[in-house]
C-alpha atoms as a PDB file:
ATOM      1  CA  MET A   1       0.141  -0.089   0.077  1.00  0.00           C
ATOM      2  CA  ASP A   2       0.900   3.454  -0.871  1.00  0.00           C
ATOM      3  CA  GLN A   3       2.594   4.641   2.366  1.00  0.00           C
ATOM      4  CA  ALA A   4       1.204   8.183   1.629  1.00  0.00           C
ATOM      5  CA  LYS A   5      -2.490   6.828   0.976  1.00  0.00           C
ATOM      6  CA  SER A   6      -2.403   4.489   4.243  1.00  0.00           C
ATOM      7  CA  GLN A   7      -1.578   7.884   6.343  1.00  0.00           C
ATOM      8  CA  ALA A   8      -4.442   9.719   8.198  1.00  0.00           C
ATOM      9  CA  SER A   9      -5.134  13.437   7.525  1.00  0.00           C
ATOM     10  CA  PRO A  10      -3.548  15.674   9.872  1.00  0.00           C
ATOM     11  CA  VAL A  11      -6.787  17.962  10.327  1.00  0.00           C
ATOM     12  CA  ALA A  12      -8.816  15.003  10.400  1.00  0.00           C
ATOM     13  CA  GLY A  13     -10.759  15.570  13.708  1.00  0.00           C
ATOM     14  CA  LYS A  14      -9.078  18.745  14.477  1.00  0.00           C
ATOM     15  CA  ARG A  15      -8.642  22.440  13.052  1.00  0.00           C
ATOM     16  CA  MET A  16      -7.555  22.956   9.872  1.00  0.00           C
ATOM     17  CA  THR A  17      -4.392  25.820   9.367  1.00  0.00           C
ATOM     18  CA  PRO A  18      -2.069  26.888   6.344  1.00  0.00           C
ATOM     19  CA  SER A  19       0.854  25.486   8.820  1.00  0.00           C
ATOM     20  CA  SER A  20      -0.976  22.205   9.016  1.00  0.00           C
ATOM     21  CA  ILE A  21      -1.411  21.850   5.866  1.00  0.00           C
ATOM     22  CA  VAL A  22       2.549  22.932   5.416  1.00  0.00           C
ATOM     23  CA  ARG A  23       3.841  20.683   7.860  1.00  0.00           C
ATOM     24  CA  TYR A  24       2.152  17.299   6.265  1.00  0.00           C
ATOM     25  CA  LEU A  25       3.117  18.502   2.501  1.00  0.00           C
ATOM     26  CA  ASP A  26       6.437  18.500   3.873  1.00  0.00           C
ATOM     27  CA  GLN A  27       6.587  14.955   4.717  1.00  0.00           C
ATOM     28  CA  TYR A  28       6.016  14.275   1.223  1.00  0.00           C
ATOM     29  CA  VAL A  29       7.048  16.976  -0.968  1.00  0.00           C
ATOM     30  CA  ILE A  30      10.771  18.590  -1.044  1.00  0.00           C
ATOM     31  CA  GLY A  31      11.232  21.974  -0.891  1.00  0.00           C
ATOM     32  CA  GLN A  32       8.922  24.639  -3.103  1.00  0.00           C
ATOM     33  CA  ASP A  33       8.353  26.546   0.713  1.00  0.00           C
ATOM     34  CA  GLU A  34       6.936  29.928  -1.026  1.00  0.00           C
ATOM     35  CA  ALA A  35       4.482  27.503  -3.145  1.00  0.00           C
ATOM     36  CA  LYS A  36       3.357  25.516  -0.125  1.00  0.00           C
ATOM     37  CA  LYS A  37       2.413  28.548   1.915  1.00  0.00           C
ATOM     38  CA  ILE A  38       0.367  29.852  -1.377  1.00  0.00           C
ATOM     39  CA  LEU A  39      -1.281  26.714  -1.560  1.00  0.00           C
ATOM     40  CA  ALA A  40      -2.074  25.976   1.907  1.00  0.00           C
ATOM     41  CA  VAL A  41      -3.135  29.658   2.502  1.00  0.00           C
ATOM     42  CA  ALA A  42      -5.539  29.327  -1.070  1.00  0.00           C
ATOM     43  CA  VAL A  43      -7.201  26.065   0.014  1.00  0.00           C
ATOM     44  CA  TYR A  44      -7.492  26.782   3.677  1.00  0.00           C
ATOM     45  CA  SER A  45      -9.340  30.025   2.548  1.00  0.00           C
ATOM     46  CA  HIS A  46     -10.836  28.054  -0.226  1.00  0.00           C
ATOM     47  CA  TYR A  47     -12.879  25.548   2.105  1.00  0.00           C
ATOM     48  CA  LYS A  48     -13.260  28.449   4.709  1.00  0.00           C
ATOM     49  CA  LYS A  49     -15.665  29.639   2.695  1.00  0.00           C
ATOM     50  CA  LEU A  50     -17.322  26.717   1.855  1.00  0.00           C
ATOM     51  CA  GLY A  51     -18.041  25.938   5.558  1.00  0.00           C
ATOM     52  CA  ARG A  52     -19.653  29.387   5.700  1.00  0.00           C
ATOM     53  CA  SER A  53     -23.442  29.602   6.993  1.00  0.00           C
ATOM     54  CA  ARG A  54     -25.761  30.359   3.868  1.00  0.00           C
ATOM     55  CA  ASP A  55     -27.374  33.414   5.938  1.00  0.00           C
ATOM     56  CA  ASN A  56     -24.037  35.242   5.827  1.00  0.00           C
ATOM     57  CA  THR A  57     -25.067  38.072   3.650  1.00  0.00           C
ATOM     58  CA  ILE A  58     -21.438  38.613   2.326  1.00  0.00           C
ATOM     59  CA  GLU A  59     -20.566  36.814  -0.722  1.00  0.00           C
ATOM     60  CA  LEU A  60     -17.241  34.867  -1.299  1.00  0.00           C
ATOM     61  CA  VAL A  61     -16.037  34.098  -4.465  1.00  0.00           C
ATOM     62  CA  LYS A  62     -13.726  31.068  -5.483  1.00  0.00           C
ATOM     63  CA  SER A  63     -10.236  31.794  -6.000  1.00  0.00           C
ATOM     64  CA  ASN A  64      -8.986  29.104  -8.393  1.00  0.00           C
ATOM     65  CA  ILE A  65      -4.986  28.693  -8.575  1.00  0.00           C
ATOM     66  CA  LEU A  66      -2.073  28.983 -11.224  1.00  0.00           C
ATOM     67  CA  LEU A  67       1.130  26.999 -10.995  1.00  0.00           C
ATOM     68  CA  ILE A  68       4.245  28.109 -12.671  1.00  0.00           C
ATOM     69  CA  GLY A  69       7.619  26.414 -13.222  1.00  0.00           C
ATOM     70  CA  PRO A  70       9.211  23.596 -15.237  1.00  0.00           C
ATOM     71  CA  THR A  71       8.348  20.655 -15.568  1.00  0.00           C
ATOM     72  CA  GLY A  72       9.550  17.862 -12.989  1.00  0.00           C
ATOM     73  CA  THR A  73       9.292  20.395  -9.960  1.00  0.00           C
ATOM     74  CA  GLY A  74       6.304  18.764  -7.822  1.00  0.00           C
ATOM     75  CA  LYS A  75       3.110  20.559  -9.299  1.00  0.00           C
ATOM     76  CA  THR A  76       1.183  17.635  -9.405  1.00  0.00           C
ATOM     77  CA  LEU A  77       2.286  15.827  -6.700  1.00  0.00           C
ATOM     78  CA  LEU A  78       1.839  18.562  -4.509  1.00  0.00           C
ATOM     79  CA  CYS A  79      -1.608  19.086  -5.332  1.00  0.00           C
ATOM     80  CA  GLU A  80      -1.847  15.294  -5.268  1.00  0.00           C
ATOM     81  CA  THR A  81      -0.744  15.182  -1.613  1.00  0.00           C
ATOM     82  CA  LEU A  82      -2.874  18.546  -0.827  1.00  0.00           C
ATOM     83  CA  SER A  83      -6.105  16.616  -1.707  1.00  0.00           C
ATOM     84  CA  ARG A  84      -5.085  13.890   0.612  1.00  0.00           C
ATOM     85  CA  VAL A  85      -4.667  16.197   3.363  1.00  0.00           C
ATOM     86  CA  LEU A  86      -7.789  17.959   2.617  1.00  0.00           C
ATOM     87  CA  GLN A  87      -9.710  14.381   2.146  1.00  0.00           C
ATOM     88  CA  VAL A  88     -11.335  15.480  -1.467  1.00  0.00           C
ATOM     89  CA  PRO A  89     -11.603  13.464  -4.263  1.00  0.00           C
ATOM     90  CA  PHE A  90      -8.858  14.843  -6.698  1.00  0.00           C
ATOM     91  CA  VAL A  91      -8.513  13.896 -10.785  1.00  0.00           C
ATOM     92  CA  THR A  92      -5.756  15.397 -12.934  1.00  0.00           C
ATOM     93  CA  ALA A  93      -7.016  16.687 -17.343  1.00  0.00           C
ATOM     94  CA  ASN A  94      -4.477  17.448 -19.607  1.00  0.00           C
ATOM     95  CA  ALA A  95      -5.350  20.627 -21.850  1.00  0.00           C
ATOM     96  CA  THR A  96      -3.285  19.919 -24.608  1.00  0.00           C
ATOM     97  CA  SER A  97      -5.546  16.574 -24.865  1.00  0.00           C
ATOM     98  CA  LEU A  98      -8.819  18.841 -24.470  1.00  0.00           C
ATOM     99  CA  ALA A  99      -6.805  21.307 -27.235  1.00  0.00           C
ATOM    100  CA  GLN A 100      -6.943  18.374 -29.369  1.00  0.00           C
ATOM    101  CA  SER A 101     -10.371  17.151 -28.959  1.00  0.00           C
ATOM    102  CA  LYS A 102     -13.331  18.167 -31.337  1.00  0.00           C
ATOM    103  CA  TYR A 103     -15.730  17.835 -28.859  1.00  0.00           C
ATOM    104  CA  VAL A 104     -14.179  19.785 -25.808  1.00  0.00           C
ATOM    105  CA  ASN A 105     -17.295  20.394 -23.318  1.00  0.00           C
ATOM    106  CA  GLU A 106     -17.632  16.632 -23.756  1.00  0.00           C
ATOM    107  CA  GLU A 107     -14.462  15.879 -22.577  1.00  0.00           C
ATOM    108  CA  ILE A 108     -14.659  18.418 -19.828  1.00  0.00           C
ATOM    109  CA  GLU A 109     -17.627  16.692 -18.770  1.00  0.00           C
ATOM    110  CA  ALA A 110     -15.774  13.607 -18.682  1.00  0.00           C
ATOM    111  CA  VAL A 111     -13.191  15.070 -16.699  1.00  0.00           C
ATOM    112  CA  LEU A 112     -16.446  16.388 -14.130  1.00  0.00           C
ATOM    113  CA  LEU A 113     -17.732  12.668 -14.248  1.00  0.00           C
ATOM    114  CA  ARG A 114     -14.080  11.174 -12.988  1.00  0.00           C
ATOM    115  CA  LEU A 115     -14.381  13.050 -10.705  1.00  0.00           C
ATOM    116  CA  LEU A 116     -17.914  12.124  -9.475  1.00  0.00           C
ATOM    117  CA  ASP A 117     -16.423   8.459  -9.376  1.00  0.00           C
ATOM    118  CA  LYS A 118     -13.420   9.513  -7.120  1.00  0.00           C
ATOM    119  CA  ALA A 119     -16.106  10.758  -4.720  1.00  0.00           C
ATOM    120  CA  GLY A 120     -17.632   7.302  -5.086  1.00  0.00           C
ATOM    121  CA  GLY A 121     -20.749   8.794  -6.169  1.00  0.00           C
ATOM    122  CA  ASP A 122     -20.986  11.174  -3.635  1.00  0.00           C
ATOM    123  CA  MET A 123     -22.684  14.392  -5.297  1.00  0.00           C
ATOM    124  CA  ALA A 124     -21.984  16.670  -2.989  1.00  0.00           C
ATOM    125  CA  LYS A 125     -18.155  15.028  -1.811  1.00  0.00           C
ATOM    126  CA  ALA A 126     -17.581  15.900  -5.521  1.00  0.00           C
ATOM    127  CA  GLN A 127     -18.962  19.617  -5.925  1.00  0.00           C
ATOM    128  CA  ARG A 128     -15.990  20.189  -3.152  1.00  0.00           C
ATOM    129  CA  GLY A 129     -13.304  18.577  -5.211  1.00  0.00           C
ATOM    130  CA  ILE A 130     -10.200  19.717  -6.778  1.00  0.00           C
ATOM    131  CA  VAL A 131      -9.849  19.533 -10.757  1.00  0.00           C
ATOM    132  CA  PHE A 132      -6.156  19.745 -11.961  1.00  0.00           C
ATOM    133  CA  ILE A 133      -5.203  21.095 -15.317  1.00  0.00           C
ATOM    134  CA  ASP A 134      -2.035  20.545 -16.130  1.00  0.00           C
ATOM    135  CA  GLU A 135      -0.031  22.063 -19.712  1.00  0.00           C
ATOM    136  CA  ILE A 136      -2.493  25.104 -19.409  1.00  0.00           C
ATOM    137  CA  ASP A 137       0.634  27.234 -21.224  1.00  0.00           C
ATOM    138  CA  LYS A 138      -0.420  24.993 -24.144  1.00  0.00           C
ATOM    139  CA  LEU A 139      -3.538  26.671 -24.643  1.00  0.00           C
ATOM    140  CA  LYS A 140      -2.158  30.177 -25.673  1.00  0.00           C
ATOM    141  CA  ALA A 141      -2.447  31.721 -28.801  1.00  0.00           C
ATOM    142  CA  THR A 142       0.637  32.562 -30.569  1.00  0.00           C
ATOM    143  CA  ASP A 143       1.251  35.871 -33.081  1.00  0.00           C
ATOM    144  CA  SER A 144       1.230  32.681 -36.138  1.00  0.00           C
ATOM    145  CA  GLN A 145      -2.366  31.445 -35.201  1.00  0.00           C
ATOM    146  CA  LEU A 146      -5.501  32.811 -36.104  1.00  0.00           C
ATOM    147  CA  ARG A 147      -8.044  34.098 -33.212  1.00  0.00           C
ATOM    148  CA  GLY A 148     -10.471  31.062 -32.467  1.00  0.00           C
ATOM    149  CA  THR A 149      -7.950  28.656 -32.215  1.00  0.00           C
ATOM    150  CA  SER A 150      -8.211  25.094 -30.627  1.00  0.00           C
ATOM    151  CA  GLY A 151      -5.967  26.310 -27.468  1.00  0.00           C
ATOM    152  CA  GLU A 152      -8.481  29.721 -27.270  1.00  0.00           C
ATOM    153  CA  ARG A 153     -10.821  27.898 -27.791  1.00  0.00           C
ATOM    154  CA  VAL A 154     -10.548  25.612 -24.658  1.00  0.00           C
ATOM    155  CA  GLN A 155      -9.659  28.407 -22.450  1.00  0.00           C
ATOM    156  CA  HIS A 156     -13.173  29.703 -23.399  1.00  0.00           C
ATOM    157  CA  ALA A 157     -14.676  26.019 -22.562  1.00  0.00           C
ATOM    158  CA  LEU A 158     -13.509  25.627 -19.432  1.00  0.00           C
ATOM    159  CA  LEU A 159     -14.374  29.668 -18.377  1.00  0.00           C
ATOM    160  CA  LYS A 160     -17.516  28.727 -17.236  1.00  0.00           C
ATOM    161  CA  ILE A 161     -17.057  25.703 -15.340  1.00  0.00           C
ATOM    162  CA  MET A 162     -14.253  27.633 -13.453  1.00  0.00           C
ATOM    163  CA  GLU A 163     -16.487  30.609 -12.574  1.00  0.00           C
ATOM    164  CA  GLY A 164     -19.229  27.913 -11.305  1.00  0.00           C
ATOM    165  CA  ALA A 165     -21.891  26.537 -12.999  1.00  0.00           C
ATOM    166  CA  PRO A 166     -24.550  23.419 -13.883  1.00  0.00           C
ATOM    167  CA  VAL A 167     -23.023  20.729 -15.536  1.00  0.00           C
ATOM    168  CA  ARG A 168     -24.846  17.751 -17.001  1.00  0.00           C
ATOM    169  CA  LEU A 169     -23.232  14.354 -16.919  1.00  0.00           C
ATOM    170  CA  GLY A 170     -24.788  12.222 -19.346  1.00  0.00           C
ATOM    171  CA  ASN A 171     -28.678  12.397 -19.583  1.00  0.00           C
ATOM    172  CA  THR A 172     -29.352  11.939 -15.462  1.00  0.00           C
ATOM    173  CA  GLN A 173     -27.060  13.702 -13.416  1.00  0.00           C
ATOM    174  CA  THR A 174     -25.773  17.313 -13.025  1.00  0.00           C
ATOM    175  CA  ILE A 175     -22.898  18.351 -11.254  1.00  0.00           C
ATOM    176  CA  ASP A 176     -22.839  22.256  -9.836  1.00  0.00           C
ATOM    177  CA  SER A 177     -18.862  23.424 -10.453  1.00  0.00           C
ATOM    178  CA  THR A 178     -19.255  26.503  -8.047  1.00  0.00           C
ATOM    179  CA  ASN A 179     -17.489  24.721  -5.215  1.00  0.00           C
ATOM    180  CA  ILE A 180     -14.974  22.803  -7.079  1.00  0.00           C
ATOM    181  CA  LEU A 181     -11.374  24.059  -6.870  1.00  0.00           C
ATOM    182  CA  PHE A 182      -9.505  24.299 -10.081  1.00  0.00           C
ATOM    183  CA  ILE A 183      -6.199  24.605  -9.973  1.00  0.00           C
ATOM    184  CA  CYS A 184      -4.217  24.993 -13.346  1.00  0.00           C
ATOM    185  CA  ALA A 185      -0.465  23.874 -14.187  1.00  0.00           C
ATOM    186  CA  GLY A 186       2.011  24.691 -16.629  1.00  0.00           C
ATOM    187  CA  ALA A 187       6.136  25.424 -17.658  1.00  0.00           C
ATOM    188  CA  PHE A 188       5.410  28.624 -19.480  1.00  0.00           C
ATOM    189  CA  VAL A 189       8.382  28.523 -20.846  1.00  0.00           C
ATOM    190  CA  GLY A 190       9.384  32.359 -21.857  1.00  0.00           C
ATOM    191  CA  LEU A 191       7.380  33.735 -19.740  1.00  0.00           C
ATOM    192  CA  GLU A 192      10.062  34.856 -17.549  1.00  0.00           C
ATOM    193  CA  ASN A 193      11.130  37.542 -21.167  1.00  0.00           C
ATOM    194  CA  ILE A 194       7.972  39.014 -20.392  1.00  0.00           C
ATOM    195  CA  THR A 195       8.155  39.281 -16.586  1.00  0.00           C
ATOM    196  CA  SER A 196      11.736  41.044 -16.569  1.00  0.00           C
ATOM    197  CA  ASN A 197      10.609  43.578 -18.995  1.00  0.00           C
ATOM    198  CA  THR A 198       7.322  44.546 -17.041  1.00  0.00           C
ATOM    199  CA  HIS A 199       7.563  48.454 -15.423  1.00  0.00           C
ATOM    200  CA  ALA A 200       8.511  47.600 -11.744  1.00  0.00           C
ATOM    201  CA  PHE A 201       6.766  49.326  -9.372  1.00  0.00           C
ATOM    202  CA  GLY A 202       9.868  51.297  -8.131  1.00  0.00           C
ATOM    203  CA  PHE A 203       8.511  54.553  -8.383  1.00  0.00           C
ATOM    204  CA  ILE A 204       6.730  53.786  -5.028  1.00  0.00           C
ATOM    205  CA  SER A 205       8.473  55.442  -1.931  1.00  0.00           C
ATOM    206  CA  ILE A 206       9.435  53.287   0.675  1.00  0.00           C
ATOM    207  CA  ALA A 207      10.377  53.839   4.182  1.00  0.00           C
ATOM    208  CA  ASP A 208      11.648  50.665   6.054  1.00  0.00           C
ATOM    209  CA  GLY A 209      13.066  47.246   5.287  1.00  0.00           C
ATOM    210  CA  ASP A 210       9.717  45.798   5.634  1.00  0.00           C
ATOM    211  CA  ASN A 211       8.145  48.156   2.964  1.00  0.00           C
ATOM    212  CA  GLN A 212      10.894  47.163   0.479  1.00  0.00           C
ATOM    213  CA  LYS A 213       9.920  43.210   1.164  1.00  0.00           C
ATOM    214  CA  ILE A 214       6.634  43.659   0.014  1.00  0.00           C
ATOM    215  CA  LEU A 215       7.786  45.679  -2.472  1.00  0.00           C
ATOM    216  CA  ASP A 216       9.893  43.170  -3.892  1.00  0.00           C
ATOM    217  CA  ARG A 217       7.007  40.795  -3.551  1.00  0.00           C
ATOM    218  CA  LEU A 218       4.775  42.720  -5.697  1.00  0.00           C
ATOM    219  CA  ASN A 219       7.518  43.329  -8.183  1.00  0.00           C
ATOM    220  CA  SER A 220       8.296  39.204  -8.582  1.00  0.00           C
ATOM    221  CA  ARG A 221       4.711  38.547  -8.807  1.00  0.00           C
ATOM    222  CA  VAL A 222       3.587  37.016 -12.379  1.00  0.00           C
ATOM    223  CA  LYS A 223       0.811  39.939 -13.425  1.00  0.00           C
ATOM    224  CA  PRO A 224      -2.277  39.365 -15.367  1.00  0.00           C
ATOM    225  CA  THR A 225      -0.734  41.473 -18.363  1.00  0.00           C
ATOM    226  CA  ASP A 226       2.095  38.885 -18.376  1.00  0.00           C
ATOM    227  CA  LEU A 227      -0.267  36.744 -18.500  1.00  0.00           C
ATOM    228  CA  PHE A 228      -2.100  38.406 -21.579  1.00  0.00           C
ATOM    229  CA  GLU A 229       0.866  38.982 -23.366  1.00  0.00           C
ATOM    230  CA  PHE A 230       2.123  35.185 -23.006  1.00  0.00           C
ATOM    231  CA  GLY A 231      -1.229  34.133 -24.830  1.00  0.00           C
ATOM    232  CA  LEU A 232      -3.882  33.651 -22.569  1.00  0.00           C
ATOM    233  CA  ILE A 233      -7.152  35.421 -22.938  1.00  0.00           C
ATOM    234  CA  PRO A 234      -7.773  38.022 -19.974  1.00  0.00           C
ATOM    235  CA  GLU A 235     -11.098  36.091 -19.262  1.00  0.00           C
ATOM    236  CA  PHE A 236      -8.812  32.935 -18.742  1.00  0.00           C
ATOM    237  CA  ALA A 237      -6.514  34.562 -16.949  1.00  0.00           C
ATOM    238  CA  GLY A 238      -8.744  36.233 -14.709  1.00  0.00           C
ATOM    239  CA  ARG A 239     -10.026  33.110 -13.147  1.00  0.00           C
ATOM    240  CA  LEU A 240      -6.814  32.370 -11.501  1.00  0.00           C
ATOM    241  CA  PRO A 241      -6.062  34.969  -9.115  1.00  0.00           C
ATOM    242  CA  VAL A 242      -4.117  32.543  -7.074  1.00  0.00           C
ATOM    243  CA  ILE A 243      -0.607  32.020  -8.475  1.00  0.00           C
ATOM    244  CA  ALA A 244       2.187  30.092  -6.783  1.00  0.00           C
ATOM    245  CA  ASN A 245       5.808  29.796  -8.796  1.00  0.00           C
ATOM    246  CA  PHE A 246       7.810  26.831  -8.899  1.00  0.00           C
ATOM    247  CA  GLN A 247      11.674  26.873  -8.436  1.00  0.00           C
ATOM    248  CA  ASN A 248      14.170  24.984 -10.618  1.00  0.00           C
ATOM    249  CA  LEU A 249      15.240  21.834  -8.286  1.00  0.00           C
ATOM    250  CA  SER A 250      19.123  21.699  -7.278  1.00  0.00           C
ATOM    251  CA  LYS A 251      21.147  18.812  -7.135  1.00  0.00           C
ATOM    252  CA  GLU A 252      20.505  18.768  -3.568  1.00  0.00           C
ATOM    253  CA  MET A 253      17.203  18.733  -3.461  1.00  0.00           C
ATOM    254  CA  LEU A 254      17.087  16.068  -6.232  1.00  0.00           C
ATOM    255  CA  LEU A 255      18.786  13.753  -4.024  1.00  0.00           C
ATOM    256  CA  LYS A 256      16.550  14.673  -0.544  1.00  0.00           C
ATOM    257  CA  ILE A 257      13.857  13.350  -3.317  1.00  0.00           C
ATOM    258  CA  MET A 258      14.999  10.311  -2.946  1.00  0.00           C
ATOM    259  CA  VAL A 259      15.490   9.683   0.578  1.00  0.00           C
ATOM    260  CA  GLU A 260      13.568  12.000   2.929  1.00  0.00           C
ATOM    261  CA  PRO A 261       9.972  11.782   1.623  1.00  0.00           C
ATOM    262  CA  ARG A 262       8.036   9.283   3.866  1.00  0.00           C
ATOM    263  CA  ASN A 263       6.984   7.400   0.783  1.00  0.00           C
ATOM    264  CA  SER A 264      10.587   8.247  -1.170  1.00  0.00           C
ATOM    265  CA  ILE A 265      11.659   5.851  -3.589  1.00  0.00           C
ATOM    266  CA  TYR A 266      14.438   4.532  -1.600  1.00  0.00           C
ATOM    267  CA  ASN A 267      11.814   3.671   1.296  1.00  0.00           C
ATOM    268  CA  GLN A 268       9.816   1.840  -1.264  1.00  0.00           C
ATOM    269  CA  PHE A 269      12.284  -0.404  -2.311  1.00  0.00           C
ATOM    270  CA  ARG A 270      13.554  -1.300   0.966  1.00  0.00           C
ATOM    271  CA  GLU A 271       9.921  -2.119   2.073  1.00  0.00           C
ATOM    272  CA  ILE A 272       9.903  -4.737  -0.850  1.00  0.00           C
ATOM    273  CA  LEU A 273      13.195  -5.915  -0.410  1.00  0.00           C
ATOM    274  CA  GLY A 274      12.288  -5.658   3.463  1.00  0.00           C
ATOM    275  CA  SER A 275       9.284  -8.176   2.672  1.00  0.00           C
ATOM    276  CA  GLU A 276      11.989 -10.991   1.267  1.00  0.00           C
ATOM    277  CA  GLY A 277      13.994 -10.467   4.602  1.00  0.00           C
ATOM    278  CA  VAL A 278      16.515  -8.851   2.477  1.00  0.00           C
ATOM    279  CA  GLU A 279      18.233  -5.464   3.913  1.00  0.00           C
ATOM    280  CA  LEU A 280      19.118  -2.543   1.051  1.00  0.00           C
ATOM    281  CA  SER A 281      21.586  -0.539   2.355  1.00  0.00           C
ATOM    282  CA  ILE A 282      22.662   2.459  -0.716  1.00  0.00           C
ATOM    283  CA  GLU A 283      25.481   4.803   0.131  1.00  0.00           C
ATOM    284  CA  ARG A 284      24.855   8.701  -0.232  1.00  0.00           C
ATOM    285  CA  ARG A 285      27.409   8.659  -3.071  1.00  0.00           C
ATOM    286  CA  VAL A 286      24.844   6.731  -4.949  1.00  0.00           C
ATOM    287  CA  PHE A 287      22.727   9.380  -4.564  1.00  0.00           C
ATOM    288  CA  GLU A 288      24.530  12.083  -5.527  1.00  0.00           C
ATOM    289  CA  GLN A 289      25.235  10.269  -8.908  1.00  0.00           C
ATOM    290  CA  ILE A 290      21.854   9.840  -9.734  1.00  0.00           C
ATOM    291  CA  ALA A 291      21.072  13.043  -8.633  1.00  0.00           C
ATOM    292  CA  GLU A 292      23.839  14.292 -10.999  1.00  0.00           C
ATOM    293  CA  LEU A 293      22.605  12.833 -14.254  1.00  0.00           C
ATOM    294  CA  ALA A 294      18.954  13.872 -13.275  1.00  0.00           C
ATOM    295  CA  PHE A 295      20.236  17.177 -13.175  1.00  0.00           C
ATOM    296  CA  GLU A 296      21.948  17.005 -16.511  1.00  0.00           C
ATOM    297  CA  TYR A 297      18.552  15.453 -17.998  1.00  0.00           C
ATOM    298  CA  LYS A 298      16.951  18.437 -17.365  1.00  0.00           C
ATOM    299  CA  VAL A 299      13.230  17.311 -17.220  1.00  0.00           C
ATOM    300  CA  GLY A 300      13.440  17.837 -12.819  1.00  0.00           C
ATOM    301  CA  ALA A 301      12.631  14.730 -10.562  1.00  0.00           C
ATOM    302  CA  ARG A 302      10.867  12.957 -13.478  1.00  0.00           C
ATOM    303  CA  SER A 303      14.304  11.139 -14.564  1.00  0.00           C
ATOM    304  CA  LEU A 304      14.996   9.845 -10.727  1.00  0.00           C
ATOM    305  CA  ARG A 305      12.735   7.068 -11.147  1.00  0.00           C
ATOM    306  CA  GLY A 306      13.929   5.758 -13.964  1.00  0.00           C
ATOM    307  CA  ILE A 307      17.812   5.609 -13.111  1.00  0.00           C
ATOM    308  CA  PHE A 308      16.991   4.129  -9.315  1.00  0.00           C
ATOM    309  CA  GLU A 309      15.470   1.281 -11.313  1.00  0.00           C
ATOM    310  CA  GLU A 310      17.548   0.680 -13.678  1.00  0.00           C
ATOM    311  CA  MET A 311      20.074   0.537 -10.828  1.00  0.00           C
ATOM    312  CA  ILE A 312      17.626  -1.776  -8.921  1.00  0.00           C
ATOM    313  CA  THR A 313      16.791  -4.269 -11.221  1.00  0.00           C
ATOM    314  CA  PRO A 314      19.757  -6.643 -11.259  1.00  0.00           C
ATOM    315  CA  VAL A 315      19.152  -6.946  -7.373  1.00  0.00           C
ATOM    316  CA  LEU A 316      15.436  -7.852  -7.600  1.00  0.00           C
ATOM    317  CA  TYR A 317      16.022 -10.278 -10.575  1.00  0.00           C
ATOM    318  CA  VAL A 318      18.665 -11.942  -8.357  1.00  0.00           C
ATOM    319  CA  VAL A 319      17.345 -11.878  -4.714  1.00  0.00           C
ATOM    320  CA  PRO A 320      13.583 -13.770  -5.001  1.00  0.00           C
ATOM    321  CA  ASP A 321      16.112 -16.624  -6.043  1.00  0.00           C
ATOM    322  CA  GLN A 322      18.652 -16.726  -3.374  1.00  0.00           C
ATOM    323  CA  PRO A 323      17.099 -16.779  -0.223  1.00  0.00           C
ATOM    324  CA  GLU A 324      20.440 -16.821   1.334  1.00  0.00           C
ATOM    325  CA  ILE A 325      20.956 -13.296   0.242  1.00  0.00           C
ATOM    326  CA  ARG A 326      20.515 -11.071   4.247  1.00  0.00           C
ATOM    327  CA  LYS A 327      21.960  -7.516   2.387  1.00  0.00           C
ATOM    328  CA  VAL A 328      22.457  -5.797  -0.377  1.00  0.00           C
ATOM    329  CA  ARG A 329      24.973  -2.868  -0.205  1.00  0.00           C
ATOM    330  CA  ILE A 330      25.291  -0.607  -3.235  1.00  0.00           C
ATOM    331  CA  SER A 331      28.235   2.194  -3.384  1.00  0.00           C
ATOM    332  CA  SER A 332      28.648   3.316  -6.759  1.00  0.00           C
ATOM    333  CA  LEU A 333      25.588   3.492  -9.700  1.00  0.00           C
ATOM    334  CA  PHE A 334      28.832   2.357 -11.899  1.00  0.00           C
ATOM    335  CA  GLU A 335      29.542  -0.780  -9.701  1.00  0.00           C
ATOM    336  CA  SER A 336      27.842  -4.020  -8.913  1.00  0.00           C
ATOM    337  CA  PRO A 337      26.183  -4.353  -5.870  1.00  0.00           C
ATOM    338  CA  ILE A 338      27.473  -6.426  -2.939  1.00  0.00           C
ATOM    339  CA  PHE A 339      25.430  -9.107  -1.362  1.00  0.00           C
ATOM    340  CA  ASP A 340      26.103 -10.364   1.735  1.00  0.00           C
ATOM    341  CA  VAL A 341      24.592 -13.960   2.272  1.00  0.00           C
ATOM    342  CA  ALA A 342      23.845 -15.661   5.835  1.00  0.00           C
ATOM    343  CA  GLU A 343      26.633 -17.846   6.904  1.00  0.00           C
ATOM    344  CA  ALA A 344      25.731 -21.518   6.936  1.00  0.00           C
ATOM    345  CA  GLY A 345      25.269 -23.845   9.867  1.00  0.00           C
END
């Protein structure tokens, strides 16, 4: 069983706070501290709104979220982990696939139907779930494209359900997307060139260090006009007021991803071999070598598992047929593993 899924939510039976959400995320996702805080506050606010009395006269508007960052930096993983801490149904969709479909509205309905399935058919639960749409940056309209292209068509199709609307699922059920949280994500390659040319708020006078920090945050923030220039239509970008930036992963962060999370790849294979009565011991140098290779591949954490599994495959091939093996030691990615066997007699 996935260790992450077997863990109870830290907010179950107690008051949920942004800090408790971040503490839970820290167990499974390495780095991205600022993005974690932004997401934690956003989902805390979102579900606080849902818990308010219907008699309240102040209407609170939903704030969907946009995640910007290179591939393999943990955007999907962070959102999946969020859904566990919140104990709400979670589904993913790919904006590129939506753009390639002739029947965009039907594809969107299919996504919401999967959300209902994840909720076990409980409509009320589904209407409080999370929809994660990846590669949203691929929907941009470039200078070489005409208006009404597939990407822009998908943006328009998503507008209504992201804001909140009843959507018919088949011929029998209707799901209301008003309280469904939409989280969109993308690499947005080239956006940094746009933001670097954006006029900064340097003309605002400042008096102390705290004000300077606030000013720096405002200047570093991706602005709606940056997204317009990138190729998102203003109405669509306006549905994503909360923006979190994900940073490139360093070699040290890639190393930590393999060993520190509760369900790290190292812990997973230690458990697999442990079920055979075999201890797995891997020296730090091995993780450094894997991190070095993954860093060169420039796809973030996506390549870590592939490299690790290629290293561990010969071990898993041998161990089940040799019950005398008690320990496997790996001291280098480029050397054969050492098998320690039980002494005879």
